[in-house]
N, C-alpha and C. Protein backbone atom coordinates (compact mmCIF):
# COMPACT_ATOMS: atom_id res chain seq x y z
N MET A 1 92.53 84.83 68.12
CA MET A 1 93.52 84.59 69.15
C MET A 1 92.83 84.35 70.48
N LYS A 2 93.44 83.53 71.29
CA LYS A 2 92.88 83.19 72.58
C LYS A 2 93.91 83.49 73.66
N ALA A 3 93.49 84.20 74.71
CA ALA A 3 94.37 84.47 75.84
C ALA A 3 94.60 83.17 76.60
N ILE A 4 95.88 82.85 76.87
CA ILE A 4 96.19 81.60 77.57
C ILE A 4 96.90 81.82 78.91
N LYS A 5 97.56 82.96 79.07
CA LYS A 5 98.26 83.26 80.32
C LYS A 5 98.07 84.73 80.67
N ARG A 6 98.11 85.04 81.95
CA ARG A 6 98.06 86.41 82.43
C ARG A 6 99.49 86.84 82.74
N LEU A 7 99.88 88.04 82.30
CA LEU A 7 101.21 88.56 82.56
C LEU A 7 101.17 89.43 83.81
N MET A 8 102.01 89.11 84.78
CA MET A 8 102.04 89.81 86.05
C MET A 8 103.47 90.26 86.35
N ALA A 9 103.61 91.44 86.96
CA ALA A 9 104.92 91.94 87.38
C ALA A 9 104.88 92.24 88.86
N LYS A 10 105.94 91.86 89.56
CA LYS A 10 106.01 92.18 90.99
C LYS A 10 106.08 93.70 91.12
N SER A 11 105.19 94.26 91.95
CA SER A 11 105.14 95.71 92.07
C SER A 11 105.45 96.19 93.49
N GLY A 12 105.70 95.28 94.40
CA GLY A 12 106.04 95.68 95.77
C GLY A 12 105.83 94.55 96.74
N THR A 13 105.85 94.88 98.02
CA THR A 13 105.60 93.90 99.07
C THR A 13 104.63 94.50 100.08
N TYR A 14 104.02 93.61 100.86
CA TYR A 14 103.14 94.02 101.94
C TYR A 14 103.23 93.00 103.05
N LYS A 15 102.77 93.36 104.24
CA LYS A 15 102.79 92.46 105.37
C LYS A 15 101.42 91.82 105.53
N ASP A 16 101.38 90.49 105.52
CA ASP A 16 100.14 89.74 105.68
C ASP A 16 99.57 90.00 107.07
N ARG A 17 98.27 90.34 107.15
CA ARG A 17 97.64 90.66 108.43
C ARG A 17 97.58 89.46 109.37
N GLU A 18 97.32 88.29 108.81
CA GLU A 18 97.13 87.11 109.65
C GLU A 18 98.45 86.51 110.13
N THR A 19 99.44 86.42 109.23
CA THR A 19 100.69 85.75 109.59
C THR A 19 101.82 86.72 109.92
N GLY A 20 101.70 87.98 109.50
CA GLY A 20 102.77 88.95 109.73
C GLY A 20 103.94 88.79 108.78
N GLN A 21 103.83 87.87 107.82
CA GLN A 21 104.92 87.63 106.87
C GLN A 21 104.86 88.65 105.73
N ASP A 22 106.05 88.96 105.18
CA ASP A 22 106.11 89.81 103.99
C ASP A 22 105.68 88.99 102.78
N LYS A 23 104.82 89.58 101.95
CA LYS A 23 104.34 88.92 100.74
C LYS A 23 104.53 89.86 99.57
N ASN A 24 104.59 89.31 98.37
CA ASN A 24 104.73 90.11 97.16
C ASN A 24 103.38 90.57 96.65
N SER A 25 103.33 91.79 96.12
CA SER A 25 102.13 92.25 95.44
C SER A 25 102.46 92.35 93.95
N TYR A 26 101.45 92.13 93.12
CA TYR A 26 101.66 92.06 91.67
C TYR A 26 100.71 93.00 90.95
N THR A 27 101.16 93.47 89.79
CA THR A 27 100.33 94.28 88.90
C THR A 27 100.05 93.47 87.65
N ARG A 28 98.78 93.43 87.26
CA ARG A 28 98.40 92.74 86.02
C ARG A 28 98.86 93.62 84.85
N CYS A 29 99.67 93.04 83.97
CA CYS A 29 100.30 93.81 82.89
C CYS A 29 99.78 93.49 81.51
N GLY A 30 99.09 92.39 81.33
CA GLY A 30 98.59 92.03 80.01
C GLY A 30 98.32 90.54 79.92
N VAL A 31 98.32 90.03 78.69
CA VAL A 31 98.04 88.61 78.46
C VAL A 31 98.97 88.03 77.41
N LEU A 32 99.18 86.74 77.50
CA LEU A 32 99.90 85.95 76.51
C LEU A 32 98.83 85.27 75.67
N MET A 33 98.90 85.41 74.36
CA MET A 33 97.84 84.88 73.49
C MET A 33 98.42 83.90 72.48
N LYS A 34 97.57 82.97 72.04
CA LYS A 34 97.99 81.98 71.04
C LYS A 34 96.93 81.95 69.94
N ASN A 35 97.41 81.90 68.67
CA ASN A 35 96.47 81.82 67.56
C ASN A 35 96.29 80.38 67.10
N GLU A 36 95.50 80.17 66.06
CA GLU A 36 95.18 78.82 65.57
C GLU A 36 96.41 78.07 65.07
N GLN A 37 97.42 78.79 64.60
CA GLN A 37 98.65 78.15 64.11
C GLN A 37 99.63 77.85 65.24
N GLY A 38 99.30 78.21 66.46
CA GLY A 38 100.17 77.94 67.60
C GLY A 38 101.18 79.04 67.88
N GLU A 39 101.12 80.14 67.12
CA GLU A 39 102.03 81.24 67.35
C GLU A 39 101.60 82.02 68.60
N VAL A 40 102.57 82.50 69.35
CA VAL A 40 102.31 83.18 70.62
C VAL A 40 102.56 84.67 70.46
N SER A 41 101.67 85.49 71.03
CA SER A 41 101.81 86.94 71.03
C SER A 41 101.61 87.45 72.45
N ILE A 42 102.19 88.61 72.73
CA ILE A 42 102.03 89.25 74.03
C ILE A 42 101.33 90.57 73.84
N LYS A 43 100.30 90.82 74.65
CA LYS A 43 99.61 92.11 74.64
C LYS A 43 99.89 92.77 75.98
N LEU A 44 100.73 93.82 75.97
CA LEU A 44 101.02 94.57 77.18
C LEU A 44 99.96 95.65 77.36
N GLU A 45 99.44 95.76 78.58
CA GLU A 45 98.42 96.75 78.89
C GLU A 45 98.90 97.75 79.94
N ALA A 46 99.86 97.37 80.77
CA ALA A 46 100.37 98.25 81.83
C ALA A 46 101.71 97.72 82.32
N LEU A 47 102.49 98.62 82.91
CA LEU A 47 103.73 98.25 83.60
C LEU A 47 103.82 99.08 84.88
N PRO A 48 104.24 98.47 85.98
CA PRO A 48 104.38 99.24 87.21
C PRO A 48 105.52 100.25 87.09
N VAL A 49 105.49 101.28 87.90
CA VAL A 49 106.50 102.33 87.84
C VAL A 49 107.89 101.77 88.11
N ASN A 50 108.01 100.86 89.06
CA ASN A 50 109.32 100.30 89.41
C ASN A 50 109.62 98.99 88.67
N PHE A 51 109.18 98.87 87.43
CA PHE A 51 109.31 97.65 86.63
C PHE A 51 110.78 97.29 86.44
N ASP A 52 111.14 96.04 86.75
CA ASP A 52 112.53 95.59 86.64
C ASP A 52 112.80 94.74 85.40
N GLY A 53 111.79 94.61 84.51
CA GLY A 53 111.99 93.86 83.27
C GLY A 53 111.46 92.43 83.30
N TRP A 54 111.05 91.95 84.47
CA TRP A 54 110.56 90.57 84.59
C TRP A 54 109.05 90.53 84.63
N LEU A 55 108.45 89.63 83.83
CA LEU A 55 107.01 89.36 83.85
C LEU A 55 106.81 87.89 84.18
N ASN A 56 105.82 87.60 85.01
CA ASN A 56 105.46 86.22 85.32
C ASN A 56 104.22 85.86 84.51
N CYS A 57 104.17 84.62 84.02
CA CYS A 57 103.01 84.12 83.28
C CYS A 57 102.23 83.19 84.18
N TRP A 58 100.99 83.57 84.50
CA TRP A 58 100.12 82.76 85.35
C TRP A 58 98.94 82.27 84.51
N ASP A 59 98.51 81.03 84.78
CA ASP A 59 97.34 80.49 84.08
C ASP A 59 96.13 81.34 84.36
N LEU A 60 95.34 81.60 83.33
CA LEU A 60 94.10 82.38 83.51
C LEU A 60 93.14 81.66 84.43
N GLU A 61 93.04 80.35 84.30
CA GLU A 61 92.08 79.59 85.09
C GLU A 61 92.39 79.67 86.57
N SER A 62 93.67 79.57 86.96
CA SER A 62 94.00 79.57 88.38
C SER A 62 93.76 80.95 88.99
N SER A 63 94.04 82.03 88.25
CA SER A 63 93.81 83.36 88.81
C SER A 63 92.32 83.67 88.88
N GLN A 64 91.52 83.15 87.93
CA GLN A 64 90.07 83.36 87.99
C GLN A 64 89.47 82.57 89.15
N ALA A 65 90.01 81.38 89.41
CA ALA A 65 89.51 80.57 90.52
C ALA A 65 89.83 81.25 91.85
N LYS A 66 91.02 81.87 91.96
CA LYS A 66 91.39 82.57 93.18
C LYS A 66 90.47 83.76 93.41
N GLN A 67 90.14 84.48 92.33
CA GLN A 67 89.26 85.63 92.46
C GLN A 67 87.86 85.19 92.90
N ALA A 68 87.39 84.07 92.38
CA ALA A 68 86.07 83.57 92.72
C ALA A 68 86.02 83.11 94.18
N ALA A 69 87.14 82.56 94.67
CA ALA A 69 87.18 82.05 96.04
C ALA A 69 87.38 83.15 97.06
N ALA A 70 87.91 84.30 96.65
CA ALA A 70 88.16 85.40 97.59
C ALA A 70 86.84 85.98 98.08
N PRO A 71 86.77 86.29 99.37
CA PRO A 71 85.52 86.88 99.87
C PRO A 71 85.31 88.26 99.28
N LYS A 72 84.07 88.56 98.96
CA LYS A 72 83.71 89.85 98.39
C LYS A 72 83.33 90.80 99.52
N MET A 73 83.88 92.02 99.48
CA MET A 73 83.52 93.02 100.47
C MET A 73 82.41 93.88 99.90
N GLN A 74 81.37 94.08 100.68
CA GLN A 74 80.24 94.90 100.25
C GLN A 74 79.99 95.97 101.29
N ALA A 75 79.61 97.15 100.81
CA ALA A 75 79.26 98.23 101.72
C ALA A 75 77.93 97.90 102.38
N GLN A 76 77.89 98.06 103.69
CA GLN A 76 76.66 97.78 104.42
C GLN A 76 76.39 98.91 105.40
N ALA A 77 75.14 99.26 105.55
CA ALA A 77 74.74 100.25 106.55
C ALA A 77 74.72 99.56 107.91
N PRO A 78 74.94 100.32 108.98
CA PRO A 78 74.82 99.71 110.31
C PRO A 78 73.44 99.08 110.48
N GLN A 79 73.37 98.05 111.30
CA GLN A 79 72.11 97.33 111.49
C GLN A 79 71.02 98.29 111.94
N GLY A 80 69.87 98.23 111.29
CA GLY A 80 68.74 99.07 111.62
C GLY A 80 68.76 100.42 110.92
N ALA A 81 69.81 100.72 110.17
CA ALA A 81 69.90 102.01 109.47
C ALA A 81 69.83 101.75 107.97
N SER A 82 69.40 102.75 107.25
CA SER A 82 69.43 102.66 105.80
C SER A 82 70.43 103.69 105.29
N PHE A 83 70.83 103.57 104.05
CA PHE A 83 71.78 104.52 103.50
C PHE A 83 71.19 105.92 103.42
N ASN A 84 69.88 106.05 103.43
CA ASN A 84 69.24 107.35 103.39
C ASN A 84 69.39 108.10 104.73
N ASP A 85 69.77 107.37 105.81
CA ASP A 85 69.92 107.99 107.12
C ASP A 85 71.22 108.78 107.25
N PHE A 86 72.13 108.66 106.32
CA PHE A 86 73.42 109.32 106.41
C PHE A 86 73.36 110.69 105.78
N ASN A 87 74.00 111.67 106.40
CA ASN A 87 74.04 113.05 105.92
C ASN A 87 75.25 113.19 104.99
N ASP A 88 75.02 113.62 103.76
CA ASP A 88 76.11 113.74 102.80
C ASP A 88 76.81 115.08 102.84
N GLU A 89 76.38 115.99 103.70
CA GLU A 89 77.01 117.30 103.76
C GLU A 89 78.37 117.21 104.43
N ILE A 90 79.32 117.97 103.91
CA ILE A 90 80.64 118.05 104.51
C ILE A 90 80.67 119.35 105.30
N GLY A 91 80.85 119.26 106.60
CA GLY A 91 80.75 120.45 107.45
C GLY A 91 82.08 121.08 107.79
N PHE A 92 82.71 121.73 106.84
CA PHE A 92 83.91 122.50 107.16
C PHE A 92 83.98 123.75 106.36
């Protein structure tokens, strides 16, 4: 079987930092798969707590391309410092 679509469910909304518009957030719920005979199967892996019964099918290729285009955040030490310079003790 080959995964052909990603199953997504709307799980809430958030406010976009740049535009201030409300946007939908989604939870990845599983995949839609097709076998050699053309039969389709669904593999559910998760459902959001407030699930309303609707799943969206998104192409795997388009969601992978979006992930590749998104900037990656990496932890960085302040300039001139190394991670060894930080004290890991919690003082309380």
